[in-house]
């Protein structure tokens, strides 16, 4: 009874290459106890939803990796589960296929709960709204993407100036270090005071340096993950 409410796509889709797409999905629908009277309509719906209707008579082994992944997604939702679990759904796909599968997963998530399991942090950022991070069986983070992005307080500013001053002139109050990136771009390290960016902008305008861009530089997902893992390790000790 519980399985009726769950759809699952493992990292390697459980496909039968010698079946056609339609034969395979009918087989999966029967395994998921879709009533006989609803089998055809259930398969037609996921064929259309996953964009594989035109391949319904093609052997699965003759499909590209991206379309095989679509068939794998179709079998996971053919019985209209409340929860769908995807394990590394874009593994081995090319950039265009990755974009297509991400879009499909987001569409599915509009109608039901989706749990995406992956170790690729860029995949999390591109697809998910909430994160639960587990290491060594322990939950080390649970929250929104925004909360995850801001876990480490940003402490650097990227500045682009039309008429930049000497590097030493950028060491204004609150700025501890200046790194020259190009003739007009600089990275300014500051003490974490949230008003620093405002003061830097005001100074650049007042002194006529021609402020083109000022961006608060957030930590990368990898850096955040490393910090969370480090904190969790200390906690276990």
C-alpha atoms as a PDB file:
ATOM      1  CA  UNK A   1       0.000   0.000   0.000  1.00  0.00           C
ATOM      2  CA  UNK A   2       2.842   2.406   0.797  1.00  0.00           C
ATOM      3  CA  UNK A   3       4.537   1.710  -2.535  1.00  0.00           C
ATOM      4  CA  UNK A   4       1.430   2.868  -4.394  1.00  0.00           C
ATOM      5  CA  UNK A   5       2.235   6.386  -3.203  1.00  0.00           C
ATOM      6  CA  UNK A   6       5.932   6.307  -4.151  1.00  0.00           C
ATOM      7  CA  UNK A   7       7.714   6.554  -7.507  1.00  0.00           C
ATOM      8  CA  UNK A   8      11.437   5.817  -7.792  1.00  0.00           C
ATOM      9  CA  UNK A   9      14.102   6.384 -10.425  1.00  0.00           C
ATOM     10  CA  UNK A  10      17.428   4.815  -9.378  1.00  0.00           C
ATOM     11  CA  UNK A  11      20.719   6.152 -10.703  1.00  0.00           C
ATOM     12  CA  UNK A  12      20.641   3.528 -13.449  1.00  0.00           C
ATOM     13  CA  UNK A  13      17.055   3.278 -14.788  1.00  0.00           C
ATOM     14  CA  UNK A  14      15.658  -0.288 -14.604  1.00  0.00           C
ATOM     15  CA  UNK A  15      14.982  -0.475 -18.351  1.00  0.00           C
ATOM     16  CA  UNK A  16      14.403  -3.553 -20.506  1.00  0.00           C
ATOM     17  CA  UNK A  17      16.158  -2.783 -23.788  1.00  0.00           C
ATOM     18  CA  UNK A  18      14.321  -5.384 -25.876  1.00  0.00           C
ATOM     19  CA  UNK A  19      10.901  -3.922 -25.082  1.00  0.00           C
ATOM     20  CA  UNK A  20       9.405  -0.946 -26.867  1.00  0.00           C
ATOM     21  CA  UNK A  21       8.798   2.169 -24.801  1.00  0.00           C
ATOM     22  CA  UNK A  22       5.060   1.494 -24.758  1.00  0.00           C
ATOM     23  CA  UNK A  23       5.443  -2.180 -23.815  1.00  0.00           C
ATOM     24  CA  UNK A  24       7.778  -1.282 -20.974  1.00  0.00           C
ATOM     25  CA  UNK A  25       5.507   1.415 -19.547  1.00  0.00           C
ATOM     26  CA  UNK A  26       2.486  -0.883 -19.712  1.00  0.00           C
ATOM     27  CA  UNK A  27       4.516  -3.496 -17.818  1.00  0.00           C
ATOM     28  CA  UNK A  28       5.507  -0.911 -15.165  1.00  0.00           C
ATOM     29  CA  UNK A  29       1.922   0.309 -14.827  1.00  0.00           C
ATOM     30  CA  UNK A  30       0.749  -3.255 -14.145  1.00  0.00           C
ATOM     31  CA  UNK A  31       3.519  -3.711 -11.550  1.00  0.00           C
ATOM     32  CA  UNK A  32       2.233  -0.565  -9.822  1.00  0.00           C
ATOM     33  CA  UNK A  33      -1.322  -1.993  -9.755  1.00  0.00           C
ATOM     34  CA  UNK A  34      -2.802   0.567 -12.119  1.00  0.00           C
ATOM     35  CA  UNK A  35      -6.344  -0.788 -12.808  1.00  0.00           C
ATOM     36  CA  UNK A  36      -6.720  -2.547 -16.179  1.00  0.00           C
ATOM     37  CA  UNK A  37      -9.262  -0.004 -17.339  1.00  0.00           C
ATOM     38  CA  UNK A  38      -6.800   2.839 -16.711  1.00  0.00           C
ATOM     39  CA  UNK A  39      -3.616   1.268 -18.125  1.00  0.00           C
ATOM     40  CA  UNK A  40      -3.831   2.787 -21.589  1.00  0.00           C
ATOM     41  CA  UNK A  41      -4.693   6.296 -20.403  1.00  0.00           C
ATOM     42  CA  UNK A  42      -1.965   6.182 -17.708  1.00  0.00           C
ATOM     43  CA  UNK A  43       0.680   5.268 -20.295  1.00  0.00           C
ATOM     44  CA  UNK A  44      -0.582   7.857 -22.794  1.00  0.00           C
ATOM     45  CA  UNK A  45      -0.347  10.530 -20.107  1.00  0.00           C
ATOM     46  CA  UNK A  46       3.279   9.839 -19.153  1.00  0.00           C
ATOM     47  CA  UNK A  47       4.326   9.433 -22.793  1.00  0.00           C
ATOM     48  CA  UNK A  48       3.051  12.947 -23.429  1.00  0.00           C
ATOM     49  CA  UNK A  49       4.337  14.375 -20.137  1.00  0.00           C
ATOM     50  CA  UNK A  50       7.872  13.068 -20.737  1.00  0.00           C
ATOM     51  CA  UNK A  51       7.952  13.980 -24.437  1.00  0.00           C
ATOM     52  CA  UNK A  52       8.415  10.421 -25.718  1.00  0.00           C
ATOM     53  CA  UNK A  53       5.120   9.752 -27.519  1.00  0.00           C
ATOM     54  CA  UNK A  54       6.897   9.695 -30.906  1.00  0.00           C
ATOM     55  CA  UNK A  55       9.198   6.920 -29.614  1.00  0.00           C
ATOM     56  CA  UNK A  56       6.444   4.685 -28.245  1.00  0.00           C
ATOM     57  CA  UNK A  57       7.158   1.875 -30.753  1.00  0.00           C
ATOM     58  CA  UNK A  58      10.938   2.127 -30.603  1.00  0.00           C
ATOM     59  CA  UNK A  59      13.045  -0.416 -28.716  1.00  0.00           C
ATOM     60  CA  UNK A  60      14.445   1.136 -25.561  1.00  0.00           C
ATOM     61  CA  UNK A  61      17.978  -0.036 -26.370  1.00  0.00           C
ATOM     62  CA  UNK A  62      17.882   2.137 -29.512  1.00  0.00           C
ATOM     63  CA  UNK A  63      17.150   5.365 -27.619  1.00  0.00           C
ATOM     64  CA  UNK A  64      19.765   7.959 -26.675  1.00  0.00           C
ATOM     65  CA  UNK A  65      20.809   8.306 -23.050  1.00  0.00           C
ATOM     66  CA  UNK A  66      18.618  11.371 -22.599  1.00  0.00           C
ATOM     67  CA  UNK A  67      15.500   9.642 -23.894  1.00  0.00           C
ATOM     68  CA  UNK A  68      16.220   6.511 -21.886  1.00  0.00           C
ATOM     69  CA  UNK A  69      16.286   8.769 -18.843  1.00  0.00           C
ATOM     70  CA  UNK A  70      12.904  10.185 -19.856  1.00  0.00           C
ATOM     71  CA  UNK A  71      11.520   6.646 -20.044  1.00  0.00           C
ATOM     72  CA  UNK A  72      12.937   6.038 -16.565  1.00  0.00           C
ATOM     73  CA  UNK A  73      11.157   9.131 -15.277  1.00  0.00           C
ATOM     74  CA  UNK A  74       7.939   8.012 -16.985  1.00  0.00           C
ATOM     75  CA  UNK A  75       7.954   4.649 -15.185  1.00  0.00           C
ATOM     76  CA  UNK A  76       8.422   6.470 -11.883  1.00  0.00           C
ATOM     77  CA  UNK A  77       5.248   8.553 -12.301  1.00  0.00           C
ATOM     78  CA  UNK A  78       2.991   6.253 -14.348  1.00  0.00           C
ATOM     79  CA  UNK A  79       0.893   5.402 -11.267  1.00  0.00           C
ATOM     80  CA  UNK A  80       0.585   9.058 -10.171  1.00  0.00           C
ATOM     81  CA  UNK A  81       2.462   8.713  -6.861  1.00  0.00           C
ATOM     82  CA  UNK A  82       2.383  11.382  -4.168  1.00  0.00           C
ATOM     83  CA  UNK A  83       6.170  11.234  -3.695  1.00  0.00           C
ATOM     84  CA  UNK A  84       8.782  10.736  -6.428  1.00  0.00           C
ATOM     85  CA  UNK A  85      12.424   9.968  -5.586  1.00  0.00           C
ATOM     86  CA  UNK A  86      15.074  10.669  -8.231  1.00  0.00           C
ATOM     87  CA  UNK A  87      18.615   9.392  -7.653  1.00  0.00           C
ATOM     88  CA  UNK A  88      21.204  11.247  -9.786  1.00  0.00           C
ATOM     89  CA  UNK A  89      18.677  11.788 -12.614  1.00  0.00           C
ATOM     90  CA  UNK A  90      21.099  13.699 -14.887  1.00  0.00           C
ATOM     91  CA  UNK A  91      24.041  11.328 -14.463  1.00  0.00           C
ATOM     92  CA  UNK A  92      25.854  10.738 -17.765  1.00  0.00           C
ATOM     93  CA  UNK A  93      23.758  13.169 -19.819  1.00  0.00           C
ATOM     94  CA  UNK A  94      25.083  15.921 -22.094  1.00  0.00           C
ATOM     95  CA  UNK A  95      24.396  19.605 -21.236  1.00  0.00           C
ATOM     96  CA  UNK A  96      21.276  19.869 -23.434  1.00  0.00           C
ATOM     97  CA  UNK A  97      19.825  16.653 -22.008  1.00  0.00           C
ATOM     98  CA  UNK A  98      20.556  17.840 -18.465  1.00  0.00           C
ATOM     99  CA  UNK A  99      18.603  21.052 -19.074  1.00  0.00           C
ATOM    100  CA  UNK A 100      15.653  19.106 -20.505  1.00  0.00           C
ATOM    101  CA  UNK A 101      15.542  16.632 -17.606  1.00  0.00           C
ATOM    102  CA  UNK A 102      15.796  19.430 -15.036  1.00  0.00           C
ATOM    103  CA  UNK A 103      12.833  21.168 -16.663  1.00  0.00           C
ATOM    104  CA  UNK A 104      10.826  17.942 -16.639  1.00  0.00           C
ATOM    105  CA  UNK A 105      11.577  17.332 -12.946  1.00  0.00           C
ATOM    106  CA  UNK A 106      10.451  20.873 -12.076  1.00  0.00           C
ATOM    107  CA  UNK A 107       7.186  20.284 -13.951  1.00  0.00           C
ATOM    108  CA  UNK A 108       6.596  17.059 -12.014  1.00  0.00           C
ATOM    109  CA  UNK A 109       7.308  18.904  -8.753  1.00  0.00           C
ATOM    110  CA  UNK A 110       4.416  21.275  -9.459  1.00  0.00           C
ATOM    111  CA  UNK A 111       1.974  18.396  -8.917  1.00  0.00           C
ATOM    112  CA  UNK A 112       3.666  16.124  -6.369  1.00  0.00           C
ATOM    113  CA  UNK A 113       6.518  16.026  -3.867  1.00  0.00           C
ATOM    114  CA  UNK A 114       9.925  15.317  -5.391  1.00  0.00           C
ATOM    115  CA  UNK A 115      13.016  14.166  -3.523  1.00  0.00           C
ATOM    116  CA  UNK A 116      16.223  14.580  -5.540  1.00  0.00           C
ATOM    117  CA  UNK A 117      19.236  12.636  -4.277  1.00  0.00           C
ATOM    118  CA  UNK A 118      22.579  13.835  -5.649  1.00  0.00           C
ATOM    119  CA  UNK A 119      26.136  14.688  -4.659  1.00  0.00           C
ATOM    120  CA  UNK A 120      26.425  17.291  -7.442  1.00  0.00           C
ATOM    121  CA  UNK A 121      25.853  20.621  -5.710  1.00  0.00           C
ATOM    122  CA  UNK A 122      25.276  22.548  -8.933  1.00  0.00           C
ATOM    123  CA  UNK A 123      22.389  20.159  -9.646  1.00  0.00           C
ATOM    124  CA  UNK A 124      20.856  21.005  -6.282  1.00  0.00           C
ATOM    125  CA  UNK A 125      21.165  24.726  -6.937  1.00  0.00           C
ATOM    126  CA  UNK A 126      19.602  24.456 -10.406  1.00  0.00           C
ATOM    127  CA  UNK A 127      16.688  22.212  -9.450  1.00  0.00           C
ATOM    128  CA  UNK A 128      15.765  22.338  -5.763  1.00  0.00           C
ATOM    129  CA  UNK A 129      14.002  24.730  -3.405  1.00  0.00           C
ATOM    130  CA  UNK A 130      14.992  23.037  -0.138  1.00  0.00           C
ATOM    131  CA  UNK A 131      18.060  21.081   0.959  1.00  0.00           C
ATOM    132  CA  UNK A 132      18.595  18.327   3.483  1.00  0.00           C
ATOM    133  CA  UNK A 133      22.277  17.449   3.700  1.00  0.00           C
ATOM    134  CA  UNK A 134      23.354  14.160   5.269  1.00  0.00           C
ATOM    135  CA  UNK A 135      26.885  13.089   6.146  1.00  0.00           C
ATOM    136  CA  UNK A 136      27.778   9.843   7.901  1.00  0.00           C
ATOM    137  CA  UNK A 137      24.099   9.233   8.594  1.00  0.00           C
ATOM    138  CA  UNK A 138      23.635  12.576  10.345  1.00  0.00           C
ATOM    139  CA  UNK A 139      21.535  15.519   9.160  1.00  0.00           C
ATOM    140  CA  UNK A 140      23.973  18.442   9.041  1.00  0.00           C
ATOM    141  CA  UNK A 141      21.735  20.960   7.270  1.00  0.00           C
ATOM    142  CA  UNK A 142      18.011  21.402   6.604  1.00  0.00           C
ATOM    143  CA  UNK A 143      16.621  24.548   5.052  1.00  0.00           C
ATOM    144  CA  UNK A 144      15.922  26.530   1.896  1.00  0.00           C
ATOM    145  CA  UNK A 145      18.372  27.170  -0.926  1.00  0.00           C
ATOM    146  CA  UNK A 146      18.571  30.799   0.243  1.00  0.00           C
ATOM    147  CA  UNK A 147      19.456  29.739   3.781  1.00  0.00           C
ATOM    148  CA  UNK A 148      22.091  27.371   2.410  1.00  0.00           C
ATOM    149  CA  UNK A 149      23.583  30.083   0.180  1.00  0.00           C
ATOM    150  CA  UNK A 150      23.826  32.426   3.167  1.00  0.00           C
ATOM    151  CA  UNK A 151      25.142  29.862   5.653  1.00  0.00           C
ATOM    152  CA  UNK A 152      28.581  31.452   5.398  1.00  0.00           C
ATOM    153  CA  UNK A 153      28.296  35.210   5.677  1.00  0.00           C
ATOM    154  CA  UNK A 154      29.733  36.833   2.529  1.00  0.00           C
ATOM    155  CA  UNK A 155      32.865  38.862   3.196  1.00  0.00           C
ATOM    156  CA  UNK A 156      34.100  39.966  -0.222  1.00  0.00           C
ATOM    157  CA  UNK A 157      32.933  42.570  -2.737  1.00  0.00           C
ATOM    158  CA  UNK A 158      33.619  42.577  -6.467  1.00  0.00           C
ATOM    159  CA  UNK A 159      34.021  46.125  -7.742  1.00  0.00           C
ATOM    160  CA  UNK A 160      34.428  47.408 -11.289  1.00  0.00           C
ATOM    161  CA  UNK A 161      35.448  51.054 -11.745  1.00  0.00           C
ATOM    162  CA  UNK A 162      35.715  53.168 -14.899  1.00  0.00           C
ATOM    163  CA  UNK A 163      38.553  55.314 -13.533  1.00  0.00           C
ATOM    164  CA  UNK A 164      40.046  53.273 -10.681  1.00  0.00           C
ATOM    165  CA  UNK A 165      42.384  54.828  -8.115  1.00  0.00           C
ATOM    166  CA  UNK A 166      45.596  53.373  -6.746  1.00  0.00           C
ATOM    167  CA  UNK A 167      45.042  50.043  -4.995  1.00  0.00           C
ATOM    168  CA  UNK A 168      45.963  51.557  -1.648  1.00  0.00           C
ATOM    169  CA  UNK A 169      43.125  54.105  -1.973  1.00  0.00           C
ATOM    170  CA  UNK A 170      40.626  51.241  -1.937  1.00  0.00           C
ATOM    171  CA  UNK A 171      41.720  50.286   1.582  1.00  0.00           C
ATOM    172  CA  UNK A 172      38.965  52.425   3.037  1.00  0.00           C
ATOM    173  CA  UNK A 173      37.449  51.863   6.515  1.00  0.00           C
ATOM    174  CA  UNK A 174      36.079  48.335   6.828  1.00  0.00           C
ATOM    175  CA  UNK A 175      38.182  46.938   3.960  1.00  0.00           C
ATOM    176  CA  UNK A 176      40.996  44.662   5.141  1.00  0.00           C
ATOM    177  CA  UNK A 177      42.471  43.541   1.809  1.00  0.00           C
ATOM    178  CA  UNK A 178      42.363  44.536  -1.871  1.00  0.00           C
ATOM    179  CA  UNK A 179      43.007  42.073  -4.711  1.00  0.00           C
ATOM    180  CA  UNK A 180      43.448  43.429  -8.241  1.00  0.00           C
ATOM    181  CA  UNK A 181      41.675  41.160 -10.757  1.00  0.00           C
ATOM    182  CA  UNK A 182      42.151  43.321 -13.858  1.00  0.00           C
ATOM    183  CA  UNK A 183      42.793  46.917 -14.784  1.00  0.00           C
ATOM    184  CA  UNK A 184      39.314  47.926 -13.617  1.00  0.00           C
ATOM    185  CA  UNK A 185      38.103  45.046 -11.418  1.00  0.00           C
ATOM    186  CA  UNK A 186      38.976  44.479  -7.767  1.00  0.00           C
ATOM    187  CA  UNK A 187      38.032  42.077  -4.971  1.00  0.00           C
ATOM    188  CA  UNK A 188      37.646  43.815  -1.618  1.00  0.00           C
ATOM    189  CA  UNK A 189      37.695  41.726   1.552  1.00  0.00           C
ATOM    190  CA  UNK A 190      35.723  43.233   4.404  1.00  0.00           C
ATOM    191  CA  UNK A 191      34.849  42.435   8.021  1.00  0.00           C
ATOM    192  CA  UNK A 192      31.270  41.234   7.427  1.00  0.00           C
ATOM    193  CA  UNK A 193      29.581  44.538   8.295  1.00  0.00           C
ATOM    194  CA  UNK A 194      26.474  44.648   6.097  1.00  0.00           C
ATOM    195  CA  UNK A 195      26.823  48.425   5.645  1.00  0.00           C
ATOM    196  CA  UNK A 196      30.286  48.109   4.079  1.00  0.00           C
ATOM    197  CA  UNK A 197      28.949  47.697   0.535  1.00  0.00           C
ATOM    198  CA  UNK A 198      26.878  50.857   0.913  1.00  0.00           C
ATOM    199  CA  UNK A 199      29.891  52.824   2.191  1.00  0.00           C
ATOM    200  CA  UNK A 200      32.083  51.546  -0.652  1.00  0.00           C
ATOM    201  CA  UNK A 201      29.470  52.582  -3.223  1.00  0.00           C
ATOM    202  CA  UNK A 202      29.130  56.052  -1.696  1.00  0.00           C
ATOM    203  CA  UNK A 203      32.925  56.509  -1.619  1.00  0.00           C
ATOM    204  CA  UNK A 204      33.321  55.438  -5.270  1.00  0.00           C
ATOM    205  CA  UNK A 205      30.650  57.916  -6.367  1.00  0.00           C
ATOM    206  CA  UNK A 206      31.904  60.768  -4.168  1.00  0.00           C
ATOM    207  CA  UNK A 207      35.500  60.427  -5.408  1.00  0.00           C
ATOM    208  CA  UNK A 208      34.474  60.094  -9.044  1.00  0.00           C
ATOM    209  CA  UNK A 209      35.864  56.637  -9.688  1.00  0.00           C
ATOM    210  CA  UNK A 210      33.013  55.781 -12.067  1.00  0.00           C
ATOM    211  CA  UNK A 211      31.336  52.859 -10.312  1.00  0.00           C
ATOM    212  CA  UNK A 212      30.232  50.335 -12.968  1.00  0.00           C
ATOM    213  CA  UNK A 213      29.424  47.320 -10.800  1.00  0.00           C
ATOM    214  CA  UNK A 214      29.405  46.352  -7.129  1.00  0.00           C
ATOM    215  CA  UNK A 215      28.551  42.768  -6.209  1.00  0.00           C
ATOM    216  CA  UNK A 216      28.539  40.998  -2.844  1.00  0.00           C
ATOM    217  CA  UNK A 217      30.402  37.769  -3.575  1.00  0.00           C
ATOM    218  CA  UNK A 218      28.718  34.732  -2.021  1.00  0.00           C
ATOM    219  CA  UNK A 219      30.576  31.606  -1.023  1.00  0.00           C
ATOM    220  CA  UNK A 220      30.469  28.712  -3.474  1.00  0.00           C
ATOM    221  CA  UNK A 221      28.267  25.713  -2.706  1.00  0.00           C
ATOM    222  CA  UNK A 222      31.393  23.601  -2.342  1.00  0.00           C
ATOM    223  CA  UNK A 223      32.785  25.989   0.273  1.00  0.00           C
ATOM    224  CA  UNK A 224      29.508  25.915   2.203  1.00  0.00           C
ATOM    225  CA  UNK A 225      29.408  22.112   2.078  1.00  0.00           C
ATOM    226  CA  UNK A 226      33.005  21.957   3.330  1.00  0.00           C
ATOM    227  CA  UNK A 227      32.178  24.298   6.210  1.00  0.00           C
ATOM    228  CA  UNK A 228      29.103  22.268   7.162  1.00  0.00           C
ATOM    229  CA  UNK A 229      31.097  19.035   7.051  1.00  0.00           C
ATOM    230  CA  UNK A 230      33.836  20.577   9.181  1.00  0.00           C
ATOM    231  CA  UNK A 231      31.308  21.789  11.747  1.00  0.00           C
ATOM    232  CA  UNK A 232      29.649  18.363  11.839  1.00  0.00           C
ATOM    233  CA  UNK A 233      33.022  16.656  12.378  1.00  0.00           C
ATOM    234  CA  UNK A 234      33.818  18.941  15.296  1.00  0.00           C
ATOM    235  CA  UNK A 235      30.408  18.221  16.790  1.00  0.00           C
ATOM    236  CA  UNK A 236      31.023  14.451  16.661  1.00  0.00           C
ATOM    237  CA  UNK A 237      34.355  14.854  18.414  1.00  0.00           C
END
